[in-house]
Amino acid sequence: MAKLHVFYSVMNAGKTTHLLQARHNYLETGGRVMLFTSAVDDRSRVGEISSRIGLSSEAVALREGDDLFALVAAEHARGCLAAVLMDEVQFMTVDQIHQAARVVDELGIPVMAYGLKNNAFGTLFSPAMATLLALADQLKEIKTLCFCHAKANMILRYGPDGTVEKSGNVVEIGGESRYVSVCRRHWMEGDIGPVRRAALGVAARQEAVPVDA
C-alpha cells in the first residue's frame, strides 16, 4: 500500500542527499520517479535539487497555485510512476500538501517528502509543514549533531557579531552561513558554538538570549 512518508530534520542533516539516493535506488531497479522542489528555493537554480556533496537532479519547481496532483496524474498516465519525491516541502502551500496526499490515496503512488520541521524561532516552519506532519503515514527524523554532540533538533540564526536572532522574517534564502543546528539546550541559551564563534572572531561565548514570548 502506498504511503505518505515524511523525512524531517534541522539544517545540514543531509535531507537532499537522502532524497537523491532514494531517486537513484528507484532508477537502478527500473522505476520511474517524479521530483518536485519549491520555486522559492533558488540557491542553485530554480528547478534543480542540489546537495552539499555535489549530487543534483532536475525537478519540477512548484509555484503557488500549481496543482501537484494534476502534474503527477498527467505524468503517471504517460507511464507508471514508482514514486514521487518532494524536496523543501516547508516552502510549498497547504493545498500542495493535500494534493500530495491525494497522489498516495487516489493514484496509489508513494510520496516521499523532505523538509525542515522547525524554523529558527522555535516553531513549526510553516503551515505546509504542520499540515504534512498531520497527514503523514510515516515520519522519520534525519539526525545530525549539535556542537556538544547531543542530537540537534533546533536551528539558530545569527548576525555578523554572533548575536542570535529570534524574530524577523522566517525565510531567508541563501543565508545558510548564518544558520547553525543545535540541541534544544543551546538553542535556549542562544549559543552558536565555538566553531562558529571562532569563524566570526568572537572570543567568548555570548550571553544567553531569552526566547521571545
N, C-alpha and C. Protein backbone atom coordinates (compact mmCIF):
# COMPACT_ATOMS: atom_id res chain seq x y z
N MET A 1 0.84 -1.20 0.00
CA MET A 1 0.00 0.00 0.00
C MET A 1 0.88 1.24 0.00
N ALA A 2 0.55 2.20 -0.87
CA ALA A 2 1.32 3.44 -0.95
C ALA A 2 1.14 4.25 0.33
N LYS A 3 2.19 4.98 0.71
CA LYS A 3 2.15 5.80 1.91
C LYS A 3 2.76 7.18 1.66
N LEU A 4 2.38 8.11 2.52
CA LEU A 4 2.98 9.44 2.53
C LEU A 4 4.07 9.43 3.60
N HIS A 5 5.32 9.38 3.12
CA HIS A 5 6.48 9.33 4.01
C HIS A 5 7.04 10.73 4.18
N VAL A 6 7.28 11.13 5.40
CA VAL A 6 7.86 12.45 5.68
C VAL A 6 9.20 12.28 6.37
N PHE A 7 10.22 12.89 5.78
CA PHE A 7 11.57 12.90 6.34
C PHE A 7 11.87 14.34 6.74
N TYR A 8 12.05 14.56 8.04
CA TYR A 8 12.24 15.93 8.52
C TYR A 8 13.54 16.03 9.30
N SER A 9 14.04 17.26 9.42
CA SER A 9 15.26 17.46 10.18
C SER A 9 15.49 18.94 10.38
N VAL A 10 16.62 19.25 10.98
CA VAL A 10 17.13 20.62 11.02
C VAL A 10 18.02 20.81 9.80
N MET A 11 18.72 21.93 9.74
CA MET A 11 19.57 22.22 8.58
C MET A 11 20.85 21.38 8.61
N ASN A 12 21.37 21.13 7.41
CA ASN A 12 22.65 20.44 7.23
C ASN A 12 22.65 19.01 7.77
N ALA A 13 21.49 18.36 7.68
CA ALA A 13 21.40 16.98 8.15
C ALA A 13 21.45 15.98 7.01
N GLY A 14 21.47 16.45 5.76
CA GLY A 14 21.58 15.54 4.63
C GLY A 14 20.26 15.13 4.01
N LYS A 15 19.23 15.96 4.17
CA LYS A 15 17.91 15.62 3.60
C LYS A 15 17.97 15.44 2.09
N THR A 16 18.58 16.38 1.40
CA THR A 16 18.61 16.33 -0.06
C THR A 16 19.45 15.16 -0.55
N THR A 17 20.54 14.88 0.12
CA THR A 17 21.35 13.70 -0.23
C THR A 17 20.52 12.43 -0.08
N HIS A 18 19.75 12.35 0.98
CA HIS A 18 18.88 11.20 1.22
C HIS A 18 17.86 11.07 0.09
N LEU A 19 17.26 12.18 -0.31
CA LEU A 19 16.29 12.16 -1.40
C LEU A 19 16.92 11.69 -2.70
N LEU A 20 18.09 12.21 -3.02
CA LEU A 20 18.73 11.85 -4.29
C LEU A 20 19.20 10.39 -4.27
N GLN A 21 19.54 9.88 -3.11
CA GLN A 21 19.88 8.45 -3.01
C GLN A 21 18.63 7.60 -3.24
N ALA A 22 17.48 8.04 -2.70
CA ALA A 22 16.23 7.32 -2.95
C ALA A 22 15.90 7.32 -4.43
N ARG A 23 16.09 8.45 -5.09
CA ARG A 23 15.86 8.53 -6.55
C ARG A 23 16.75 7.53 -7.27
N HIS A 24 18.03 7.49 -6.91
CA HIS A 24 18.97 6.56 -7.54
C HIS A 24 18.52 5.11 -7.37
N ASN A 25 18.07 4.78 -6.16
CA ASN A 25 17.64 3.42 -5.89
C ASN A 25 16.45 3.01 -6.76
N TYR A 26 15.49 3.91 -6.94
CA TYR A 26 14.35 3.62 -7.80
C TYR A 26 14.80 3.44 -9.25
N LEU A 27 15.67 4.33 -9.72
CA LEU A 27 16.12 4.25 -11.11
C LEU A 27 16.92 2.98 -11.37
N GLU A 28 17.71 2.57 -10.38
CA GLU A 28 18.52 1.36 -10.53
C GLU A 28 17.67 0.11 -10.72
N THR A 29 16.45 0.15 -10.20
CA THR A 29 15.56 -1.01 -10.32
C THR A 29 14.51 -0.81 -11.41
N GLY A 30 14.72 0.19 -12.26
CA GLY A 30 13.84 0.42 -13.40
C GLY A 30 12.59 1.22 -13.11
N GLY A 31 12.51 1.84 -11.95
CA GLY A 31 11.33 2.62 -11.60
C GLY A 31 11.41 4.05 -12.11
N ARG A 32 10.28 4.58 -12.53
CA ARG A 32 10.19 6.00 -12.93
C ARG A 32 9.78 6.82 -11.71
N VAL A 33 10.44 7.93 -11.52
CA VAL A 33 10.11 8.81 -10.40
C VAL A 33 9.89 10.23 -10.91
N MET A 34 9.16 10.99 -10.12
CA MET A 34 8.93 12.40 -10.44
C MET A 34 9.40 13.22 -9.25
N LEU A 35 10.23 14.22 -9.50
CA LEU A 35 10.81 15.04 -8.44
C LEU A 35 10.20 16.43 -8.45
N PHE A 36 9.95 16.93 -7.24
CA PHE A 36 9.44 18.29 -7.07
C PHE A 36 10.30 19.04 -6.07
N THR A 37 10.42 20.34 -6.29
CA THR A 37 11.00 21.24 -5.30
C THR A 37 10.19 22.52 -5.34
N SER A 38 10.57 23.48 -4.52
CA SER A 38 9.85 24.75 -4.49
C SER A 38 10.58 25.80 -5.32
N ALA A 39 9.81 26.58 -6.07
CA ALA A 39 10.41 27.67 -6.85
C ALA A 39 10.97 28.76 -5.94
N VAL A 40 10.57 28.75 -4.67
CA VAL A 40 11.10 29.72 -3.72
C VAL A 40 12.59 29.49 -3.49
N ASP A 41 13.00 28.22 -3.53
CA ASP A 41 14.39 27.87 -3.27
C ASP A 41 15.21 27.99 -4.55
N ASP A 42 15.94 29.09 -4.67
CA ASP A 42 16.74 29.33 -5.88
C ASP A 42 18.23 29.41 -5.57
N ARG A 43 18.64 28.66 -4.54
CA ARG A 43 20.05 28.74 -4.13
C ARG A 43 21.01 28.31 -5.23
N SER A 44 20.66 27.25 -5.97
CA SER A 44 21.49 26.87 -7.12
C SER A 44 20.84 27.44 -8.36
N ARG A 45 19.74 26.85 -8.79
CA ARG A 45 18.89 27.44 -9.81
C ARG A 45 17.51 26.82 -9.68
N VAL A 46 16.51 27.55 -10.10
CA VAL A 46 15.14 27.08 -9.96
C VAL A 46 14.96 25.80 -10.77
N GLY A 47 14.35 24.80 -10.15
CA GLY A 47 14.12 23.54 -10.83
C GLY A 47 15.26 22.56 -10.72
N GLU A 48 16.17 22.79 -9.79
CA GLU A 48 17.27 21.85 -9.57
C GLU A 48 17.35 21.51 -8.09
N ILE A 49 17.42 20.23 -7.78
CA ILE A 49 17.67 19.77 -6.43
C ILE A 49 19.15 19.47 -6.33
N SER A 50 19.82 20.14 -5.40
CA SER A 50 21.28 20.02 -5.32
C SER A 50 21.70 19.83 -3.87
N SER A 51 22.54 18.81 -3.62
CA SER A 51 23.02 18.55 -2.27
C SER A 51 24.38 19.19 -2.06
N ARG A 52 24.77 19.29 -0.81
CA ARG A 52 26.04 19.92 -0.48
C ARG A 52 27.24 19.06 -0.85
N ILE A 53 27.01 17.77 -1.14
CA ILE A 53 28.14 16.91 -1.50
C ILE A 53 28.26 16.77 -3.02
N GLY A 54 27.51 17.59 -3.76
CA GLY A 54 27.70 17.65 -5.20
C GLY A 54 26.71 16.88 -6.04
N LEU A 55 25.78 16.16 -5.43
CA LEU A 55 24.75 15.44 -6.19
C LEU A 55 23.64 16.41 -6.59
N SER A 56 23.03 16.18 -7.75
CA SER A 56 21.95 17.07 -8.18
C SER A 56 21.04 16.35 -9.16
N SER A 57 19.86 16.91 -9.36
CA SER A 57 18.90 16.36 -10.31
C SER A 57 17.90 17.44 -10.70
N GLU A 58 17.39 17.34 -11.92
CA GLU A 58 16.32 18.22 -12.35
C GLU A 58 15.04 17.88 -11.59
N ALA A 59 14.20 18.89 -11.37
CA ALA A 59 12.94 18.69 -10.66
C ALA A 59 11.92 19.71 -11.16
N VAL A 60 10.66 19.42 -10.92
CA VAL A 60 9.60 20.39 -11.22
C VAL A 60 9.58 21.41 -10.09
N ALA A 61 9.70 22.69 -10.42
CA ALA A 61 9.69 23.75 -9.42
C ALA A 61 8.26 24.23 -9.22
N LEU A 62 7.69 23.94 -8.08
CA LEU A 62 6.30 24.32 -7.80
C LEU A 62 6.21 25.77 -7.38
N ARG A 63 5.27 26.47 -7.98
CA ARG A 63 4.93 27.82 -7.59
C ARG A 63 3.55 27.84 -6.93
N GLU A 64 3.26 28.88 -6.22
CA GLU A 64 1.95 28.99 -5.60
C GLU A 64 0.87 28.88 -6.66
N GLY A 65 -0.10 28.04 -6.44
CA GLY A 65 -1.18 27.84 -7.40
C GLY A 65 -0.98 26.64 -8.30
N ASP A 66 0.24 26.10 -8.39
CA ASP A 66 0.46 24.89 -9.18
C ASP A 66 -0.23 23.70 -8.51
N ASP A 67 -0.79 22.82 -9.34
CA ASP A 67 -1.52 21.66 -8.84
C ASP A 67 -0.63 20.42 -8.95
N LEU A 68 -0.07 20.01 -7.83
CA LEU A 68 0.84 18.87 -7.81
C LEU A 68 0.12 17.60 -8.26
N PHE A 69 -1.10 17.41 -7.81
CA PHE A 69 -1.84 16.21 -8.17
C PHE A 69 -2.03 16.11 -9.68
N ALA A 70 -2.42 17.21 -10.31
CA ALA A 70 -2.65 17.20 -11.76
C ALA A 70 -1.37 16.91 -12.51
N LEU A 71 -0.24 17.47 -12.05
CA LEU A 71 1.04 17.24 -12.71
C LEU A 71 1.45 15.77 -12.61
N VAL A 72 1.26 15.19 -11.43
CA VAL A 72 1.62 13.78 -11.25
C VAL A 72 0.70 12.88 -12.05
N ALA A 73 -0.61 13.16 -12.03
CA ALA A 73 -1.58 12.33 -12.76
C ALA A 73 -1.27 12.32 -14.25
N ALA A 74 -0.89 13.49 -14.80
CA ALA A 74 -0.58 13.57 -16.23
C ALA A 74 0.67 12.75 -16.56
N GLU A 75 1.68 12.82 -15.71
CA GLU A 75 2.91 12.05 -15.95
C GLU A 75 2.66 10.56 -15.75
N HIS A 76 1.86 10.22 -14.77
CA HIS A 76 1.55 8.82 -14.48
C HIS A 76 0.80 8.18 -15.65
N ALA A 77 -0.02 8.98 -16.33
CA ALA A 77 -0.77 8.48 -17.48
C ALA A 77 0.14 8.15 -18.65
N ARG A 78 1.32 8.79 -18.70
CA ARG A 78 2.28 8.53 -19.78
C ARG A 78 3.15 7.30 -19.50
N GLY A 79 3.11 6.83 -18.27
CA GLY A 79 3.92 5.68 -17.87
C GLY A 79 3.96 5.59 -16.37
N CYS A 80 3.76 4.43 -15.85
CA CYS A 80 3.59 4.24 -14.40
C CYS A 80 4.75 4.83 -13.60
N LEU A 81 4.41 5.63 -12.61
CA LEU A 81 5.41 6.20 -11.70
C LEU A 81 5.57 5.30 -10.48
N ALA A 82 6.80 5.07 -10.10
CA ALA A 82 7.08 4.26 -8.92
C ALA A 82 7.02 5.07 -7.64
N ALA A 83 7.32 6.37 -7.74
CA ALA A 83 7.34 7.22 -6.54
C ALA A 83 7.37 8.68 -6.94
N VAL A 84 6.94 9.51 -6.01
CA VAL A 84 7.06 10.97 -6.12
C VAL A 84 7.94 11.44 -4.97
N LEU A 85 8.98 12.22 -5.28
CA LEU A 85 9.91 12.73 -4.28
C LEU A 85 9.81 14.24 -4.23
N MET A 86 9.65 14.79 -3.03
CA MET A 86 9.46 16.23 -2.85
C MET A 86 10.53 16.78 -1.92
N ASP A 87 11.21 17.81 -2.37
CA ASP A 87 12.25 18.47 -1.56
C ASP A 87 11.76 19.85 -1.14
N GLU A 88 12.28 20.35 -0.01
CA GLU A 88 11.97 21.69 0.50
C GLU A 88 10.46 21.90 0.65
N VAL A 89 9.79 20.91 1.21
CA VAL A 89 8.33 20.98 1.32
C VAL A 89 7.87 22.09 2.25
N GLN A 90 8.74 22.58 3.11
CA GLN A 90 8.34 23.66 4.01
C GLN A 90 7.97 24.94 3.26
N PHE A 91 8.43 25.06 2.00
CA PHE A 91 8.13 26.25 1.20
C PHE A 91 6.86 26.08 0.35
N MET A 92 6.28 24.90 0.34
CA MET A 92 5.11 24.66 -0.51
C MET A 92 3.84 25.12 0.18
N THR A 93 2.72 25.04 -0.51
CA THR A 93 1.47 25.52 0.05
C THR A 93 0.72 24.37 0.73
N VAL A 94 -0.22 24.73 1.59
CA VAL A 94 -1.06 23.72 2.23
C VAL A 94 -1.83 22.93 1.18
N ASP A 95 -2.31 23.60 0.15
CA ASP A 95 -3.03 22.90 -0.93
C ASP A 95 -2.15 21.85 -1.58
N GLN A 96 -0.88 22.19 -1.81
CA GLN A 96 0.03 21.23 -2.46
C GLN A 96 0.31 20.03 -1.55
N ILE A 97 0.29 20.23 -0.25
CA ILE A 97 0.45 19.10 0.67
C ILE A 97 -0.77 18.19 0.60
N HIS A 98 -1.96 18.77 0.55
CA HIS A 98 -3.17 17.97 0.38
C HIS A 98 -3.15 17.22 -0.96
N GLN A 99 -2.64 17.88 -1.98
CA GLN A 99 -2.54 17.23 -3.29
C GLN A 99 -1.57 16.05 -3.25
N ALA A 100 -0.49 16.18 -2.49
CA ALA A 100 0.45 15.06 -2.34
C ALA A 100 -0.23 13.87 -1.67
N ALA A 101 -1.08 14.15 -0.67
CA ALA A 101 -1.82 13.07 -0.02
C ALA A 101 -2.78 12.41 -1.01
N ARG A 102 -3.38 13.17 -1.91
CA ARG A 102 -4.26 12.60 -2.93
C ARG A 102 -3.49 11.70 -3.89
N VAL A 103 -2.24 12.05 -4.19
CA VAL A 103 -1.41 11.21 -5.05
C VAL A 103 -1.29 9.81 -4.43
N VAL A 104 -1.10 9.76 -3.13
CA VAL A 104 -1.00 8.48 -2.43
C VAL A 104 -2.33 7.74 -2.45
N ASP A 105 -3.40 8.44 -2.05
CA ASP A 105 -4.68 7.78 -1.83
C ASP A 105 -5.43 7.44 -3.12
N GLU A 106 -5.33 8.32 -4.13
CA GLU A 106 -6.12 8.13 -5.35
C GLU A 106 -5.33 7.49 -6.48
N LEU A 107 -4.02 7.73 -6.53
CA LEU A 107 -3.20 7.17 -7.60
C LEU A 107 -2.38 5.98 -7.14
N GLY A 108 -2.30 5.78 -5.84
CA GLY A 108 -1.54 4.65 -5.31
C GLY A 108 -0.04 4.77 -5.48
N ILE A 109 0.47 6.01 -5.52
CA ILE A 109 1.90 6.24 -5.71
C ILE A 109 2.50 6.70 -4.38
N PRO A 110 3.56 6.05 -3.91
CA PRO A 110 4.22 6.51 -2.68
C PRO A 110 4.80 7.91 -2.87
N VAL A 111 4.66 8.73 -1.84
CA VAL A 111 5.25 10.07 -1.84
C VAL A 111 6.25 10.16 -0.69
N MET A 112 7.45 10.63 -1.01
CA MET A 112 8.50 10.83 -0.01
C MET A 112 8.80 12.32 0.03
N ALA A 113 8.45 12.95 1.16
CA ALA A 113 8.55 14.41 1.29
C ALA A 113 9.63 14.76 2.31
N TYR A 114 10.48 15.71 1.94
CA TYR A 114 11.63 16.09 2.76
C TYR A 114 11.57 17.58 3.08
N GLY A 115 11.79 17.93 4.36
CA GLY A 115 11.77 19.35 4.69
C GLY A 115 12.24 19.64 6.10
N LEU A 116 12.34 20.94 6.39
CA LEU A 116 12.71 21.41 7.73
C LEU A 116 11.48 21.43 8.61
N LYS A 117 11.56 20.82 9.78
CA LYS A 117 10.42 20.83 10.69
C LYS A 117 10.27 22.17 11.40
N ASN A 118 11.37 22.69 11.93
CA ASN A 118 11.35 23.93 12.71
C ASN A 118 11.94 25.09 11.94
N ASN A 119 11.54 26.30 12.32
CA ASN A 119 12.25 27.49 11.86
C ASN A 119 13.22 27.92 12.96
N ALA A 120 13.92 29.03 12.73
CA ALA A 120 14.94 29.47 13.68
C ALA A 120 14.33 30.08 14.94
N PHE A 121 13.01 30.27 14.94
CA PHE A 121 12.36 30.90 16.07
C PHE A 121 11.68 29.89 17.00
N GLY A 122 11.89 28.59 16.72
CA GLY A 122 11.42 27.57 17.62
C GLY A 122 9.98 27.14 17.43
N THR A 123 9.42 27.37 16.26
CA THR A 123 8.07 26.91 15.94
C THR A 123 8.12 26.10 14.65
N LEU A 124 7.03 25.39 14.34
CA LEU A 124 6.98 24.68 13.07
C LEU A 124 7.22 25.66 11.93
N PHE A 125 7.94 25.20 10.92
CA PHE A 125 8.45 26.12 9.89
C PHE A 125 7.34 26.86 9.17
N SER A 126 6.25 26.19 8.85
CA SER A 126 5.21 26.79 8.03
C SER A 126 3.91 26.01 8.17
N PRO A 127 2.78 26.59 7.73
CA PRO A 127 1.53 25.82 7.70
C PRO A 127 1.64 24.57 6.85
N ALA A 128 2.42 24.61 5.77
CA ALA A 128 2.59 23.43 4.93
C ALA A 128 3.24 22.30 5.72
N MET A 129 4.28 22.62 6.49
CA MET A 129 4.93 21.58 7.28
C MET A 129 4.02 21.06 8.37
N ALA A 130 3.25 21.92 9.01
CA ALA A 130 2.31 21.47 10.03
C ALA A 130 1.28 20.53 9.43
N THR A 131 0.79 20.85 8.24
CA THR A 131 -0.19 20.00 7.56
C THR A 131 0.43 18.67 7.18
N LEU A 132 1.65 18.69 6.70
CA LEU A 132 2.33 17.47 6.30
C LEU A 132 2.53 16.53 7.48
N LEU A 133 2.93 17.07 8.61
CA LEU A 133 3.13 16.24 9.80
C LEU A 133 1.81 15.63 10.26
N ALA A 134 0.71 16.37 10.08
CA ALA A 134 -0.60 15.86 10.48
C ALA A 134 -1.10 14.76 9.56
N LEU A 135 -0.78 14.84 8.26
CA LEU A 135 -1.32 13.90 7.27
C LEU A 135 -0.42 12.68 7.05
N ALA A 136 0.81 12.73 7.49
CA ALA A 136 1.79 11.69 7.16
C ALA A 136 1.38 10.31 7.67
N ASP A 137 1.70 9.30 6.84
CA ASP A 137 1.57 7.92 7.28
C ASP A 137 2.79 7.49 8.09
N GLN A 138 3.95 7.97 7.68
CA GLN A 138 5.18 7.62 8.39
C GLN A 138 6.07 8.85 8.52
N LEU A 139 6.62 9.03 9.72
CA LEU A 139 7.54 10.13 10.00
C LEU A 139 8.91 9.57 10.33
N LYS A 140 9.94 10.17 9.75
CA LYS A 140 11.30 9.75 10.07
C LYS A 140 12.18 10.98 10.20
N GLU A 141 12.90 11.06 11.32
CA GLU A 141 13.82 12.16 11.54
C GLU A 141 15.19 11.81 10.96
N ILE A 142 15.74 12.71 10.16
CA ILE A 142 17.11 12.58 9.67
C ILE A 142 17.98 13.36 10.66
N LYS A 143 18.84 12.67 11.36
CA LYS A 143 19.51 13.25 12.52
C LYS A 143 20.87 13.85 12.18
N THR A 144 21.21 14.87 12.95
CA THR A 144 22.56 15.42 12.93
C THR A 144 22.89 15.86 14.34
N LEU A 145 24.11 16.35 14.56
CA LEU A 145 24.58 16.63 15.91
C LEU A 145 24.79 18.11 16.16
N CYS A 146 24.53 18.52 17.38
CA CYS A 146 24.92 19.82 17.90
C CYS A 146 26.44 19.82 18.12
N PHE A 147 27.01 20.99 18.32
CA PHE A 147 28.46 21.05 18.58
C PHE A 147 28.83 20.34 19.88
N CYS A 148 27.84 20.13 20.78
CA CYS A 148 28.12 19.43 22.04
C CYS A 148 27.97 17.92 21.87
N HIS A 149 27.62 17.47 20.65
CA HIS A 149 27.45 16.07 20.29
C HIS A 149 26.12 15.47 20.74
N ALA A 150 25.24 16.29 21.31
CA ALA A 150 23.85 15.87 21.52
C ALA A 150 23.12 15.99 20.17
N LYS A 151 21.95 15.37 20.11
CA LYS A 151 21.17 15.48 18.87
C LYS A 151 20.75 16.92 18.64
N ALA A 152 20.95 17.42 17.43
CA ALA A 152 20.49 18.76 17.07
C ALA A 152 19.04 18.69 16.60
N ASN A 153 18.16 19.42 17.30
CA ASN A 153 16.76 19.44 16.89
C ASN A 153 16.20 20.84 16.78
N MET A 154 17.09 21.83 16.84
CA MET A 154 16.70 23.24 16.73
C MET A 154 17.68 23.96 15.79
N ILE A 155 17.30 25.16 15.38
CA ILE A 155 18.11 25.95 14.47
C ILE A 155 18.29 27.35 15.05
N LEU A 156 19.51 27.85 15.03
CA LEU A 156 19.79 29.24 15.40
C LEU A 156 20.19 30.04 14.16
N ARG A 157 19.74 31.30 14.11
CA ARG A 157 20.19 32.23 13.08
C ARG A 157 20.88 33.39 13.79
N TYR A 158 22.01 33.82 13.25
CA TYR A 158 22.79 34.83 13.95
C TYR A 158 23.36 35.86 12.98
N GLY A 159 23.70 37.02 13.54
CA GLY A 159 24.26 38.11 12.74
C GLY A 159 25.78 38.07 12.70
N PRO A 160 26.39 39.06 12.05
CA PRO A 160 27.85 39.09 11.88
C PRO A 160 28.63 39.11 13.19
N ASP A 161 28.01 39.61 14.26
CA ASP A 161 28.70 39.65 15.55
C ASP A 161 28.35 38.46 16.44
N GLY A 162 27.62 37.49 15.88
CA GLY A 162 27.25 36.31 16.66
C GLY A 162 25.97 36.45 17.45
N THR A 163 25.33 37.61 17.37
CA THR A 163 24.08 37.80 18.09
C THR A 163 22.98 36.97 17.45
N VAL A 164 22.28 36.21 18.27
CA VAL A 164 21.23 35.33 17.78
C VAL A 164 19.95 36.11 17.51
N GLU A 165 19.29 35.76 16.41
CA GLU A 165 18.05 36.42 16.03
C GLU A 165 16.88 35.50 16.36
N LYS A 166 15.92 35.98 17.13
CA LYS A 166 14.75 35.21 17.49
C LYS A 166 13.46 35.86 16.98
N SER A 167 13.59 36.76 16.01
CA SER A 167 12.43 37.38 15.39
C SER A 167 12.84 37.87 14.00
N GLY A 168 11.84 38.25 13.20
CA GLY A 168 12.10 38.71 11.84
C GLY A 168 11.45 37.80 10.83
N ASN A 169 11.92 37.86 9.59
CA ASN A 169 11.37 37.01 8.54
C ASN A 169 11.85 35.57 8.74
N VAL A 170 10.92 34.64 8.62
CA VAL A 170 11.27 33.23 8.76
C VAL A 170 12.17 32.77 7.63
N VAL A 171 11.82 33.16 6.40
CA VAL A 171 12.53 32.67 5.21
C VAL A 171 13.65 33.62 4.83
N GLU A 172 14.85 33.08 4.71
CA GLU A 172 15.99 33.84 4.21
C GLU A 172 16.79 32.91 3.30
N ILE A 173 16.44 32.92 2.02
CA ILE A 173 17.10 32.03 1.06
C ILE A 173 18.54 32.48 0.84
N GLY A 174 19.45 31.51 0.84
CA GLY A 174 20.85 31.81 0.55
C GLY A 174 21.66 32.26 1.75
N GLY A 175 21.06 32.24 2.95
CA GLY A 175 21.78 32.70 4.13
C GLY A 175 22.28 31.56 5.00
N GLU A 176 22.62 30.43 4.37
CA GLU A 176 22.99 29.24 5.15
C GLU A 176 24.13 29.48 6.12
N SER A 177 25.04 30.39 5.78
CA SER A 177 26.19 30.63 6.65
C SER A 177 25.79 31.28 7.96
N ARG A 178 24.56 31.79 8.04
CA ARG A 178 24.10 32.44 9.27
C ARG A 178 23.21 31.52 10.11
N TYR A 179 23.16 30.25 9.76
CA TYR A 179 22.36 29.29 10.50
C TYR A 179 23.25 28.18 11.04
N VAL A 180 22.87 27.68 12.21
CA VAL A 180 23.56 26.53 12.78
C VAL A 180 22.53 25.67 13.50
N SER A 181 22.64 24.36 13.33
CA SER A 181 21.74 23.43 14.00
C SER A 181 22.33 23.05 15.36
N VAL A 182 21.49 23.12 16.38
CA VAL A 182 21.94 22.89 17.75
C VAL A 182 20.90 22.08 18.52
N CYS A 183 21.27 21.63 19.70
CA CYS A 183 20.31 20.96 20.59
C CYS A 183 19.41 22.01 21.24
N ARG A 184 18.35 21.54 21.88
CA ARG A 184 17.40 22.46 22.48
C ARG A 184 18.05 23.33 23.57
N ARG A 185 18.92 22.72 24.38
CA ARG A 185 19.58 23.48 25.43
C ARG A 185 20.35 24.67 24.87
N HIS A 186 21.15 24.43 23.84
CA HIS A 186 21.95 25.52 23.30
C HIS A 186 21.12 26.50 22.48
N TRP A 187 19.99 26.03 21.95
CA TRP A 187 19.06 26.97 21.31
C TRP A 187 18.48 27.92 22.35
N MET A 188 18.08 27.37 23.50
CA MET A 188 17.53 28.20 24.58
C MET A 188 18.57 29.20 25.08
N GLU A 189 19.84 28.77 25.10
CA GLU A 189 20.91 29.65 25.57
C GLU A 189 21.38 30.62 24.49
N GLY A 190 21.01 30.36 23.25
CA GLY A 190 21.49 31.20 22.16
C GLY A 190 22.96 31.02 21.88
N ASP A 191 23.45 29.80 22.04
CA ASP A 191 24.88 29.51 21.90
C ASP A 191 25.14 28.87 20.53
N ILE A 192 25.88 29.57 19.67
CA ILE A 192 26.15 29.08 18.32
C ILE A 192 27.35 28.15 18.26
N GLY A 193 28.08 28.01 19.37
CA GLY A 193 29.18 27.05 19.43
C GLY A 193 30.53 27.64 19.10
N PRO A 194 31.61 26.97 19.52
CA PRO A 194 32.96 27.51 19.37
C PRO A 194 33.42 27.65 17.92
N VAL A 195 33.03 26.73 17.06
CA VAL A 195 33.48 26.81 15.66
C VAL A 195 32.90 28.05 14.99
N ARG A 196 31.61 28.27 15.16
CA ARG A 196 31.00 29.46 14.55
C ARG A 196 31.51 30.74 15.19
N ARG A 197 31.71 30.74 16.50
CA ARG A 197 32.26 31.94 17.15
C ARG A 197 33.67 32.24 16.65
N ALA A 198 34.49 31.20 16.51
CA ALA A 198 35.85 31.41 16.02
C ALA A 198 35.84 31.98 14.60
N ALA A 199 34.93 31.50 13.77
CA ALA A 199 34.85 31.99 12.39
C ALA A 199 34.47 33.47 12.36
N LEU A 200 33.72 33.90 13.36
CA LEU A 200 33.31 35.30 13.44
C LEU A 200 34.30 36.16 14.21
N GLY A 201 35.28 35.52 14.85
CA GLY A 201 36.23 36.26 15.67
C GLY A 201 35.65 36.66 17.01
N VAL A 202 34.65 35.91 17.46
CA VAL A 202 34.04 36.17 18.77
C VAL A 202 34.72 35.27 19.78
N ALA A 203 35.46 35.85 20.73
CA ALA A 203 36.29 35.06 21.62
C ALA A 203 35.49 34.34 22.70
N ALA A 204 34.60 35.02 23.32
CA ALA A 204 33.86 34.44 24.46
C ALA A 204 32.44 34.10 24.03
N ARG A 205 31.89 33.07 24.70
CA ARG A 205 30.51 32.70 24.40
C ARG A 205 29.58 33.85 24.73
N GLN A 206 28.65 34.18 23.81
CA GLN A 206 27.72 35.25 24.07
C GLN A 206 26.78 34.87 25.21
N GLU A 207 26.22 35.89 25.85
CA GLU A 207 25.28 35.65 26.94
C GLU A 207 24.04 34.96 26.41
N ALA A 208 23.37 34.24 27.30
CA ALA A 208 22.14 33.55 26.89
C ALA A 208 21.13 34.54 26.37
N VAL A 209 20.46 34.20 25.31
CA VAL A 209 19.44 35.06 24.71
C VAL A 209 18.08 34.50 25.05
N PRO A 210 17.22 35.28 25.74
CA PRO A 210 15.90 34.75 26.10
C PRO A 210 15.04 34.53 24.89
N VAL A 211 14.18 33.51 24.97
CA VAL A 211 13.24 33.24 23.90
C VAL A 211 12.14 34.28 23.94
N ASP A 212 11.82 34.85 22.77
CA ASP A 212 10.72 35.82 22.72
C ASP A 212 9.44 35.17 23.18
N ALA A 213 8.64 35.91 23.88
CA ALA A 213 7.33 35.41 24.33
C ALA A 213 6.40 35.31 23.14
